[in-house]
Protein backbone atom coordinates (compact mmCIF):
# COMPACT_ATOMS: atom_id res chain seq x y z
CA MET A 1 0.06 0.08 0.30
CA ALA A 2 0.81 3.92 -0.82
CA ASP A 3 1.97 5.84 2.24
CA GLN A 4 -1.12 7.51 1.40
CA LEU A 5 -4.78 7.09 0.25
CA SER A 6 -6.28 9.57 -2.67
CA PRO A 7 -9.81 9.53 -3.97
CA THR A 8 -8.29 7.85 -7.09
CA ASP A 9 -7.52 4.97 -5.29
CA GLY A 10 -9.35 1.51 -7.19
CA GLN A 11 -9.13 0.52 -10.05
CA ALA A 12 -12.14 0.25 -12.56
CA ILE A 13 -12.98 -3.98 -13.59
CA GLY A 14 -15.31 -5.34 -16.40
CA LYS A 15 -19.17 -6.64 -16.33
CA ALA A 16 -18.02 -10.49 -16.90
CA GLN A 17 -15.18 -9.72 -14.02
CA ALA A 18 -17.58 -8.39 -11.58
CA LYS A 19 -20.67 -10.51 -12.75
CA ALA A 20 -18.16 -13.63 -12.14
CA TRP A 21 -16.92 -12.94 -9.11
CA ILE A 22 -20.48 -12.06 -7.81
CA ASP A 23 -22.18 -15.35 -8.73
CA ALA A 24 -19.22 -17.08 -7.50
CA TYR A 25 -19.50 -15.22 -4.05
CA LYS A 26 -23.84 -16.22 -3.98
CA LYS A 27 -22.47 -20.30 -5.27
CA ASN A 28 -20.44 -20.20 -2.39
CA HIS A 29 -23.11 -18.80 0.73
CA PRO A 30 -26.43 -19.43 -1.03
CA ASN A 31 -28.02 -17.97 2.64
CA GLN A 32 -25.73 -15.17 2.96
CA VAL A 33 -26.72 -11.44 2.57
CA TRP A 34 -25.09 -10.57 -0.83
CA ALA A 35 -24.93 -7.00 -1.22
CA GLN A 36 -26.44 -4.32 0.78
CA PHE A 37 -27.70 -0.60 -0.79
CA TYR A 38 -26.66 3.10 0.03
CA GLY A 39 -28.56 5.98 -0.34
CA SER A 40 -26.09 8.62 -1.98
CA ASP A 41 -27.32 11.19 0.77
CA HIS A 42 -25.54 9.02 3.07
CA LEU A 43 -22.60 8.22 1.02
CA TYR A 44 -22.22 12.19 -0.09
CA ALA A 45 -22.45 12.62 3.54
CA ILE A 46 -19.47 10.81 4.25
CA LEU A 47 -17.66 11.93 1.74
CA LYS A 48 -17.98 15.66 2.79
CA GLN A 49 -16.57 15.50 5.76
CA SER A 50 -13.58 17.62 6.41
CA ASP A 51 -10.59 15.44 5.29
CA CYS A 52 -11.98 12.61 3.39
CA VAL A 53 -10.15 11.02 0.33
CA GLY A 54 -12.89 7.92 0.57
CA ILE A 55 -14.88 5.40 2.13
CA ARG A 56 -13.56 1.94 4.08
CA ILE A 57 -15.69 -0.28 3.78
CA TYR A 58 -15.54 -3.29 6.59
CA SER A 59 -16.59 -6.52 6.81
CA THR A 60 -17.98 -7.18 9.68
CA HIS A 61 -20.79 -9.39 12.00
CA GLY A 62 -23.00 -7.65 13.31
CA ASP A 63 -26.30 -8.56 16.22
CA GLY A 64 -26.87 -12.19 15.82
CA ASP A 65 -23.76 -12.86 14.03
CA LYS A 66 -25.28 -11.37 10.45
CA ASN A 67 -22.93 -10.26 7.75
CA GLN A 68 -23.25 -6.73 7.91
CA LEU A 69 -21.03 -3.65 5.82
CA VAL A 70 -20.00 -0.87 8.04
CA LEU A 71 -18.86 2.34 6.02
CA VAL A 72 -16.59 4.71 7.35
CA GLY A 73 -14.94 7.48 5.80
CA ALA A 74 -10.76 7.55 5.90
CA ARG A 75 -7.98 10.22 5.43
CA ALA A 76 -5.18 10.43 3.60
CA ASP A 77 -2.85 9.07 5.75
CA GLY A 78 -5.04 6.23 6.12
CA THR A 79 -6.68 7.28 9.30
CA ASN A 80 -10.77 6.58 9.87
CA ILE A 81 -12.61 9.38 10.50
CA TRP A 82 -14.35 7.87 13.96
CA PRO A 83 -17.27 10.37 15.77
CA LYS A 84 -16.08 12.06 18.89
CA GLY A 85 -19.16 10.42 21.09
CA ASP A 86 -21.79 7.30 20.03
CA ASP A 87 -24.72 9.38 19.17
CA PRO A 88 -24.98 8.42 16.06
CA ASP A 89 -27.62 11.43 16.05
CA ASP A 90 -25.56 14.18 16.71
CA GLY A 91 -24.74 15.12 13.11
CA SER A 92 -20.82 15.10 14.01
CA MET A 93 -19.50 12.45 11.46
CA ILE A 94 -21.27 9.31 9.83
CA ILE A 95 -20.81 6.06 9.83
CA LEU A 96 -22.53 3.70 7.76
CA ASP A 97 -24.60 0.73 7.79
CA PHE A 98 -27.84 -1.21 7.38
CA GLY A 99 -28.87 -0.58 3.91
CA PRO A 100 -31.43 -2.90 2.31
CA PRO A 101 -29.75 -5.76 2.38
CA CYS A 102 -29.75 -8.28 -0.90
CA PRO A 103 -31.19 -10.97 -0.88
CA PRO A 104 -34.36 -9.93 -0.61
CA PHE A 105 -34.23 -6.40 -2.42
CA CYS A 106 -31.94 -7.02 -5.52
CA ASP A 107 -32.86 -7.48 -9.39
CA PRO A 108 -33.78 -10.57 -9.97
CA ASN A 109 -31.89 -10.89 -12.63
CA ASP A 110 -28.70 -10.73 -11.30
């Protein structure tokens, strides 16, 4: 990893590669959540935080040991942008979870 994170980190991949990876995961984990959706308002709120250059996505085990994704803003130096307190409604900073899961909130053709 580079010494600094950048807004240009990551790389585009083709649809065929993405579909192959998604399909392989679905086949190997048929009873799991395959994806979660997050609205643009919440994503922009993370990205608009001071010093934020991108979003780090953590795979976690949430309540009931369910697979969850947690999204946190990250600075160029690699540190996460954590709120000062633990109240998600205080408006200081945002950590995102609880996006509608797929399944059932999916395109049935995917």
